[in-house]
Amino acid sequence: GETVSLNRKEFDLLAYLASRAGEVVSRQELYAEVWRQPYGGADKTIDVHLSWLRRKLGETAAEPRYLHTVRGVGIKLVDPQ
């Protein structure tokens, strides 16, 4: 495998998604569990962090390998095999 450098929030976000691998996790849950605050609805914090993670993992939202967006529901971490 290849080493990927993550900042603290990217690591926390990926670790939380990994703990729920295969399950769709809502933005509300990510805010509560990773950011420890309520979800404001229009905030793009999670989208920005997901974008950074995707770039570091060598994927895009249009062509995901690991981080799959389930529109209107949340994010799912999957094994690309």
PDB file of N, CA and C in Angstrom:
ATOM      1  N   GLY A   1       0.801  -1.180   0.000  1.00  0.00           N
ATOM      2  CA  GLY A   1       0.000   0.000   0.000  1.00  0.00           C
ATOM      3  C   GLY A   1       0.852   1.254   0.000  1.00  0.00           C
ATOM      4  N   GLU A   2       0.219   2.321  -0.246  1.00  0.00           N
ATOM      5  CA  GLU A   2       0.864   3.628  -0.325  1.00  0.00           C
ATOM      6  C   GLU A   2       0.484   4.457   0.893  1.00  0.00           C
ATOM      7  N   THR A   3       1.442   5.195   1.445  1.00  0.00           N
ATOM      8  CA  THR A   3       1.184   6.069   2.584  1.00  0.00           C
ATOM      9  C   THR A   3       0.503   7.348   2.106  1.00  0.00           C
ATOM     10  N   VAL A   4      -0.557   7.737   2.814  1.00  0.00           N
ATOM     11  CA  VAL A   4      -1.290   8.962   2.494  1.00  0.00           C
ATOM     12  C   VAL A   4      -1.237   9.859   3.725  1.00  0.00           C
ATOM     13  N   SER A   5      -0.844  11.106   3.532  1.00  0.00           N
ATOM     14  CA  SER A   5      -0.767  12.070   4.629  1.00  0.00           C
ATOM     15  C   SER A   5      -2.124  12.754   4.803  1.00  0.00           C
ATOM     16  N   LEU A   6      -2.698  12.634   6.005  1.00  0.00           N
ATOM     17  CA  LEU A   6      -4.003  13.230   6.302  1.00  0.00           C
ATOM     18  C   LEU A   6      -3.875  14.217   7.452  1.00  0.00           C
ATOM     19  N   ASN A   7      -4.683  15.297   7.397  1.00  0.00           N
ATOM     20  CA  ASN A   7      -4.746  16.166   8.568  1.00  0.00           C
ATOM     21  C   ASN A   7      -5.665  15.503   9.601  1.00  0.00           C
ATOM     22  N   ARG A   8      -5.754  16.083  10.776  1.00  0.00           N
ATOM     23  CA  ARG A   8      -6.489  15.451  11.875  1.00  0.00           C
ATOM     24  C   ARG A   8      -7.960  15.186  11.542  1.00  0.00           C
ATOM     25  N   LYS A   9      -8.652  16.167  10.972  1.00  0.00           N
ATOM     26  CA  LYS A   9     -10.076  15.980  10.668  1.00  0.00           C
ATOM     27  C   LYS A   9     -10.275  14.961   9.551  1.00  0.00           C
ATOM     28  N   GLU A  10      -9.394  14.973   8.548  1.00  0.00           N
ATOM     29  CA  GLU A  10      -9.484  13.965   7.485  1.00  0.00           C
ATOM     30  C   GLU A  10      -9.331  12.571   8.086  1.00  0.00           C
ATOM     31  N   PHE A  11      -8.362  12.419   8.981  1.00  0.00           N
ATOM     32  CA  PHE A  11      -8.152  11.132   9.639  1.00  0.00           C
ATOM     33  C   PHE A  11      -9.380  10.731  10.454  1.00  0.00           C
ATOM     34  N   ASP A  12      -9.884  11.664  11.270  1.00  0.00           N
ATOM     35  CA  ASP A  12     -11.062  11.374  12.096  1.00  0.00           C
ATOM     36  C   ASP A  12     -12.265  10.994  11.236  1.00  0.00           C
ATOM     37  N   LEU A  13     -12.459  11.713  10.133  1.00  0.00           N
ATOM     38  CA  LEU A  13     -13.574  11.435   9.227  1.00  0.00           C
ATOM     39  C   LEU A  13     -13.429  10.049   8.607  1.00  0.00           C
ATOM     40  N   LEU A  14     -12.242   9.744   8.099  1.00  0.00           N
ATOM     41  CA  LEU A  14     -12.008   8.438   7.483  1.00  0.00           C
ATOM     42  C   LEU A  14     -12.121   7.314   8.511  1.00  0.00           C
ATOM     43  N   ALA A  15     -11.597   7.534   9.713  1.00  0.00           N
ATOM     44  CA  ALA A  15     -11.679   6.521  10.770  1.00  0.00           C
ATOM     45  C   ALA A  15     -13.135   6.248  11.144  1.00  0.00           C
ATOM     46  N   TYR A  16     -13.948   7.312  11.239  1.00  0.00           N
ATOM     47  CA  TYR A  16     -15.356   7.104  11.586  1.00  0.00           C
ATOM     48  C   TYR A  16     -16.080   6.343  10.476  1.00  0.00           C
ATOM     49  N   LEU A  17     -15.840   6.740   9.226  1.00  0.00           N
ATOM     50  CA  LEU A  17     -16.469   6.030   8.110  1.00  0.00           C
ATOM     51  C   LEU A  17     -16.006   4.573   8.075  1.00  0.00           C
ATOM     52  N   ALA A  18     -14.735   4.323   8.388  1.00  0.00           N
ATOM     53  CA  ALA A  18     -14.212   2.951   8.413  1.00  0.00           C
ATOM     54  C   ALA A  18     -14.887   2.129   9.508  1.00  0.00           C
ATOM     55  N   SER A  19     -15.207   2.775  10.624  1.00  0.00           N
ATOM     56  CA  SER A  19     -15.885   2.061  11.714  1.00  0.00           C
ATOM     57  C   SER A  19     -17.302   1.665  11.326  1.00  0.00           C
ATOM     58  N   ARG A  20     -17.833   2.296  10.302  1.00  0.00           N
ATOM     59  CA  ARG A  20     -19.183   2.014   9.800  1.00  0.00           C
ATOM     60  C   ARG A  20     -19.132   1.555   8.337  1.00  0.00           C
ATOM     61  N   ALA A  21     -18.014   0.956   7.931  1.00  0.00           N
ATOM     62  CA  ALA A  21     -17.794   0.553   6.539  1.00  0.00           C
ATOM     63  C   ALA A  21     -18.985  -0.225   5.986  1.00  0.00           C
ATOM     64  N   GLY A  22     -19.374   0.144   4.767  1.00  0.00           N
ATOM     65  CA  GLY A  22     -20.492  -0.513   4.104  1.00  0.00           C
ATOM     66  C   GLY A  22     -21.848   0.076   4.449  1.00  0.00           C
ATOM     67  N   GLU A  23     -21.897   0.947   5.454  1.00  0.00           N
ATOM     68  CA  GLU A  23     -23.150   1.584   5.865  1.00  0.00           C
ATOM     69  C   GLU A  23     -23.173   3.031   5.375  1.00  0.00           C
ATOM     70  N   VAL A  24     -24.344   3.523   5.051  1.00  0.00           N
ATOM     71  CA  VAL A  24     -24.481   4.931   4.683  1.00  0.00           C
ATOM     72  C   VAL A  24     -24.548   5.749   5.972  1.00  0.00           C
ATOM     73  N   VAL A  25     -23.666   6.747   6.074  1.00  0.00           N
ATOM     74  CA  VAL A  25     -23.594   7.602   7.259  1.00  0.00           C
ATOM     75  C   VAL A  25     -24.064   8.998   6.861  1.00  0.00           C
ATOM     76  N   SER A  26     -25.037   9.528   7.587  1.00  0.00           N
ATOM     77  CA  SER A  26     -25.593  10.847   7.260  1.00  0.00           C
ATOM     78  C   SER A  26     -24.628  11.972   7.643  1.00  0.00           C
ATOM     79  N   ARG A  27     -24.806  13.112   7.007  1.00  0.00           N
ATOM     80  CA  ARG A  27     -24.011  14.290   7.355  1.00  0.00           C
ATOM     81  C   ARG A  27     -24.278  14.705   8.805  1.00  0.00           C
ATOM     82  N   GLN A  28     -25.530  14.574   9.235  1.00  0.00           N
ATOM     83  CA  GLN A  28     -25.875  14.909  10.615  1.00  0.00           C
ATOM     84  C   GLN A  28     -25.053  14.063  11.588  1.00  0.00           C
ATOM     85  N   GLU A  29     -24.947  12.779  11.300  1.00  0.00           N
ATOM     86  CA  GLU A  29     -24.177  11.880  12.161  1.00  0.00           C
ATOM     87  C   GLU A  29     -22.691  12.232  12.132  1.00  0.00           C
ATOM     88  N   LEU A  30     -22.160  12.551  10.945  1.00  0.00           N
ATOM     89  CA  LEU A  30     -20.746  12.929  10.847  1.00  0.00           C
ATOM     90  C   LEU A  30     -20.459  14.192  11.649  1.00  0.00           C
ATOM     91  N   TYR A  31     -21.347  15.186  11.548  1.00  0.00           N
ATOM     92  CA  TYR A  31     -21.162  16.409  12.341  1.00  0.00           C
ATOM     93  C   TYR A  31     -21.162  16.090  13.829  1.00  0.00           C
ATOM     94  N   ALA A  32     -22.114  15.271  14.253  1.00  0.00           N
ATOM     95  CA  ALA A  32     -22.228  14.948  15.674  1.00  0.00           C
ATOM     96  C   ALA A  32     -21.032  14.139  16.172  1.00  0.00           C
ATOM     97  N   GLU A  33     -20.588  13.161  15.399  1.00  0.00           N
ATOM     98  CA  GLU A  33     -19.548  12.244  15.856  1.00  0.00           C
ATOM     99  C   GLU A  33     -18.125  12.714  15.579  1.00  0.00           C
ATOM    100  N   VAL A  34     -17.896  13.385  14.453  1.00  0.00           N
ATOM    101  CA  VAL A  34     -16.540  13.805  14.081  1.00  0.00           C
ATOM    102  C   VAL A  34     -16.274  15.250  14.491  1.00  0.00           C
ATOM    103  N   TRP A  35     -17.236  16.131  14.236  1.00  0.00           N
ATOM    104  CA  TRP A  35     -17.052  17.556  14.569  1.00  0.00           C
ATOM    105  C   TRP A  35     -17.604  17.913  15.942  1.00  0.00           C
ATOM    106  N   ARG A  36     -18.387  17.006  16.534  1.00  0.00           N
ATOM    107  CA  ARG A  36     -18.971  17.220  17.864  1.00  0.00           C
ATOM    108  C   ARG A  36     -19.840  18.470  17.932  1.00  0.00           C
ATOM    109  N   GLN A  37     -20.629  18.690  16.868  1.00  0.00           N
ATOM    110  CA  GLN A  37     -21.561  19.816  16.850  1.00  0.00           C
ATOM    111  C   GLN A  37     -22.754  19.468  15.963  1.00  0.00           C
ATOM    112  N   PRO A  38     -23.877  20.163  16.150  1.00  0.00           N
ATOM    113  CA  PRO A  38     -25.056  19.882  15.330  1.00  0.00           C
ATOM    114  C   PRO A  38     -24.854  20.331  13.885  1.00  0.00           C
ATOM    115  N   TYR A  39     -25.513  19.646  12.982  1.00  0.00           N
ATOM    116  CA  TYR A  39     -25.433  19.940  11.550  1.00  0.00           C
ATOM    117  C   TYR A  39     -26.274  21.161  11.231  1.00  0.00           C
ATOM    118  N   GLY A  40     -25.683  22.134  10.525  1.00  0.00           N
ATOM    119  CA  GLY A  40     -26.386  23.362  10.179  1.00  0.00           C
ATOM    120  C   GLY A  40     -27.165  23.300   8.883  1.00  0.00           C
ATOM    121  N   GLY A  41     -26.987  22.257   8.091  1.00  0.00           N
ATOM    122  CA  GLY A  41     -27.746  22.106   6.856  1.00  0.00           C
ATOM    123  C   GLY A  41     -27.059  22.642   5.625  1.00  0.00           C
ATOM    124  N   ALA A  42     -26.675  23.905   5.626  1.00  0.00           N
ATOM    125  CA  ALA A  42     -26.081  24.519   4.432  1.00  0.00           C
ATOM    126  C   ALA A  42     -24.551  24.520   4.483  1.00  0.00           C
ATOM    127  N   ASP A  43     -23.989  24.108   5.598  1.00  0.00           N
ATOM    128  CA  ASP A  43     -22.535  24.112   5.783  1.00  0.00           C
ATOM    129  C   ASP A  43     -21.869  23.109   4.836  1.00  0.00           C
ATOM    130  N   LYS A  44     -20.787  23.525   4.212  1.00  0.00           N
ATOM    131  CA  LYS A  44     -20.067  22.674   3.254  1.00  0.00           C
ATOM    132  C   LYS A  44     -18.815  22.031   3.853  1.00  0.00           C
ATOM    133  N   THR A  45     -18.654  22.093   5.172  1.00  0.00           N
ATOM    134  CA  THR A  45     -17.460  21.557   5.825  1.00  0.00           C
ATOM    135  C   THR A  45     -17.205  20.103   5.445  1.00  0.00           C
ATOM    136  N   ILE A  46     -18.215  19.264   5.533  1.00  0.00           N
ATOM    137  CA  ILE A  46     -18.034  17.847   5.213  1.00  0.00           C
ATOM    138  C   ILE A  46     -17.690  17.669   3.743  1.00  0.00           C
ATOM    139  N   ASP A  47     -18.370  18.399   2.865  1.00  0.00           N
ATOM    140  CA  ASP A  47     -18.079  18.297   1.431  1.00  0.00           C
ATOM    141  C   ASP A  47     -16.630  18.654   1.130  1.00  0.00           C
ATOM    142  N   VAL A  48     -16.126  19.692   1.780  1.00  0.00           N
ATOM    143  CA  VAL A  48     -14.736  20.113   1.570  1.00  0.00           C
ATOM    144  C   VAL A  48     -13.776  19.028   2.051  1.00  0.00           C
ATOM    145  N   HIS A  49     -14.011  18.501   3.235  1.00  0.00           N
ATOM    146  CA  HIS A  49     -13.138  17.451   3.760  1.00  0.00           C
ATOM    147  C   HIS A  49     -13.219  16.180   2.914  1.00  0.00           C
ATOM    148  N   LEU A  50     -14.405  15.837   2.438  1.00  0.00           N
ATOM    149  CA  LEU A  50     -14.538  14.674   1.551  1.00  0.00           C
ATOM    150  C   LEU A  50     -13.784  14.897   0.248  1.00  0.00           C
ATOM    151  N   SER A  51     -13.842  16.108  -0.276  1.00  0.00           N
ATOM    152  CA  SER A  51     -13.114  16.439  -1.499  1.00  0.00           C
ATOM    153  C   SER A  51     -11.613  16.263  -1.292  1.00  0.00           C
ATOM    154  N   TRP A  52     -11.099  16.758  -0.163  1.00  0.00           N
ATOM    155  CA  TRP A  52      -9.670  16.602   0.144  1.00  0.00           C
ATOM    156  C   TRP A  52      -9.313  15.124   0.276  1.00  0.00           C
ATOM    157  N   LEU A  53     -10.158  14.358   0.989  1.00  0.00           N
ATOM    158  CA  LEU A  53      -9.905  12.924   1.155  1.00  0.00           C
ATOM    159  C   LEU A  53      -9.909  12.205  -0.190  1.00  0.00           C
ATOM    160  N   ARG A  54     -10.904  12.505  -1.010  1.00  0.00           N
ATOM    161  CA  ARG A  54     -10.990  11.860  -2.326  1.00  0.00           C
ATOM    162  C   ARG A  54      -9.740  12.137  -3.152  1.00  0.00           C
ATOM    163  N   ARG A  55      -9.287  13.375  -3.149  1.00  0.00           N
ATOM    164  CA  ARG A  55      -8.086  13.736  -3.903  1.00  0.00           C
ATOM    165  C   ARG A  55      -6.894  12.919  -3.412  1.00  0.00           C
ATOM    166  N   LYS A  56      -6.745  12.817  -2.099  1.00  0.00           N
ATOM    167  CA  LYS A  56      -5.621  12.075  -1.522  1.00  0.00           C
ATOM    168  C   LYS A  56      -5.728  10.575  -1.771  1.00  0.00           C
ATOM    169  N   LEU A  57      -6.955  10.074  -1.904  1.00  0.00           N
ATOM    170  CA  LEU A  57      -7.172   8.651  -2.180  1.00  0.00           C
ATOM    171  C   LEU A  57      -7.174   8.351  -3.678  1.00  0.00           C
ATOM    172  N   GLY A  58      -6.989   9.386  -4.504  1.00  0.00           N
ATOM    173  CA  GLY A  58      -6.912   9.194  -5.949  1.00  0.00           C
ATOM    174  C   GLY A  58      -8.247   8.950  -6.615  1.00  0.00           C
ATOM    175  N   GLU A  59      -9.297   9.567  -6.102  1.00  0.00           N
ATOM    176  CA  GLU A  59     -10.620   9.403  -6.698  1.00  0.00           C
ATOM    177  C   GLU A  59     -11.307  10.751  -6.807  1.00  0.00           C
ATOM    178  N   THR A  60     -12.464  10.762  -7.465  1.00  0.00           N
ATOM    179  CA  THR A  60     -13.304  11.953  -7.552  1.00  0.00           C
ATOM    180  C   THR A  60     -14.727  11.559  -7.179  1.00  0.00           C
ATOM    181  N   ALA A  61     -15.575  12.556  -6.949  1.00  0.00           N
ATOM    182  CA  ALA A  61     -16.979  12.269  -6.645  1.00  0.00           C
ATOM    183  C   ALA A  61     -17.653  11.600  -7.839  1.00  0.00           C
ATOM    184  N   ALA A  62     -17.227  11.972  -9.053  1.00  0.00           N
ATOM    185  CA  ALA A  62     -17.813  11.396 -10.267  1.00  0.00           C
ATOM    186  C   ALA A  62     -17.353   9.957 -10.492  1.00  0.00           C
ATOM    187  N   GLU A  63     -16.138   9.632 -10.023  1.00  0.00           N
ATOM    188  CA  GLU A  63     -15.594   8.278 -10.176  1.00  0.00           C
ATOM    189  C   GLU A  63     -15.049   7.790  -8.834  1.00  0.00           C
ATOM    190  N   PRO A  64     -15.953   7.491  -7.895  1.00  0.00           N
ATOM    191  CA  PRO A  64     -15.509   7.074  -6.561  1.00  0.00           C
ATOM    192  C   PRO A  64     -14.972   5.641  -6.544  1.00  0.00           C
ATOM    193  N   ARG A  65     -13.991   5.394  -5.689  1.00  0.00           N
ATOM    194  CA  ARG A  65     -13.501   4.037  -5.444  1.00  0.00           C
ATOM    195  C   ARG A  65     -13.868   3.617  -4.026  1.00  0.00           C
ATOM    196  N   TYR A  66     -13.699   4.534  -3.083  1.00  0.00           N
ATOM    197  CA  TYR A  66     -13.896   4.226  -1.666  1.00  0.00           C
ATOM    198  C   TYR A  66     -15.066   4.986  -1.041  1.00  0.00           C
ATOM    199  N   LEU A  67     -15.159   6.277  -1.341  1.00  0.00           N
ATOM    200  CA  LEU A  67     -16.157   7.147  -0.712  1.00  0.00           C
ATOM    201  C   LEU A  67     -17.318   7.395  -1.671  1.00  0.00           C
ATOM    202  N   HIS A  68     -18.418   6.710  -1.428  1.00  0.00           N
ATOM    203  CA  HIS A  68     -19.583   6.805  -2.309  1.00  0.00           C
ATOM    204  C   HIS A  68     -20.653   7.686  -1.673  1.00  0.00           C
ATOM    205  N   THR A  69     -21.102   8.684  -2.423  1.00  0.00           N
ATOM    206  CA  THR A  69     -22.185   9.544  -1.972  1.00  0.00           C
ATOM    207  C   THR A  69     -23.512   8.900  -2.347  1.00  0.00           C
ATOM    208  N   VAL A  70     -24.397   8.778  -1.374  1.00  0.00           N
ATOM    209  CA  VAL A  70     -25.760   8.310  -1.619  1.00  0.00           C
ATOM    210  C   VAL A  70     -26.614   9.567  -1.516  1.00  0.00           C
ATOM    211  N   ARG A  71     -26.981  10.099  -2.667  1.00  0.00           N
ATOM    212  CA  ARG A  71     -27.636  11.409  -2.752  1.00  0.00           C
ATOM    213  C   ARG A  71     -28.836  11.504  -1.809  1.00  0.00           C
ATOM    214  N   GLY A  72     -28.838  12.574  -1.012  1.00  0.00           N
ATOM    215  CA  GLY A  72     -29.932  12.820  -0.089  1.00  0.00           C
ATOM    216  C   GLY A  72     -29.885  11.983   1.179  1.00  0.00           C
ATOM    217  N   VAL A  73     -28.884  11.080   1.282  1.00  0.00           N
ATOM    218  CA  VAL A  73     -28.807  10.201   2.448  1.00  0.00           C
ATOM    219  C   VAL A  73     -27.496  10.397   3.204  1.00  0.00           C
ATOM    220  N   GLY A  74     -26.357  10.227   2.512  1.00  0.00           N
ATOM    221  CA  GLY A  74     -25.070  10.377   3.192  1.00  0.00           C
ATOM    222  C   GLY A  74     -23.917   9.793   2.399  1.00  0.00           C
ATOM    223  N   ILE A  75     -22.900   9.342   3.122  1.00  0.00           N
ATOM    224  CA  ILE A  75     -21.656   8.850   2.551  1.00  0.00           C
ATOM    225  C   ILE A  75     -21.443   7.411   3.000  1.00  0.00           C
ATOM    226  N   LYS A  76     -20.895   6.597   2.093  1.00  0.00           N
ATOM    227  CA  LYS A  76     -20.601   5.205   2.424  1.00  0.00           C
ATOM    228  C   LYS A  76     -19.166   4.895   2.024  1.00  0.00           C
ATOM    229  N   LEU A  77     -18.396   4.312   2.945  1.00  0.00           N
ATOM    230  CA  LEU A  77     -17.047   3.841   2.651  1.00  0.00           C
ATOM    231  C   LEU A  77     -17.151   2.385   2.217  1.00  0.00           C
ATOM    232  N   VAL A  78     -16.628   2.077   1.034  1.00  0.00           N
ATOM    233  CA  VAL A  78     -16.711   0.711   0.516  1.00  0.00           C
ATOM    234  C   VAL A  78     -15.324   0.185   0.168  1.00  0.00           C
ATOM    235  N   ASP A  79     -15.189  -1.126   0.172  1.00  0.00           N
ATOM    236  CA  ASP A  79     -13.978  -1.798  -0.281  1.00  0.00           C
ATOM    237  C   ASP A  79     -14.071  -1.869  -1.799  1.00  0.00           C
ATOM    238  N   PRO A  80     -13.091  -1.336  -2.526  1.00  0.00           N
ATOM    239  CA  PRO A  80     -13.201  -1.261  -3.990  1.00  0.00           C
ATOM    240  C   PRO A  80     -13.061  -2.593  -4.721  1.00  0.00           C
ATOM    241  N   GLN A  81     -12.841  -3.673  -4.015  1.00  0.00           N
ATOM    242  CA  GLN A  81     -12.646  -4.966  -4.689  1.00  0.00           C
ATOM    243  C   GLN A  81     -13.920  -5.514  -5.267  1.00  0.00           C
TER     244      GLN A  81
END
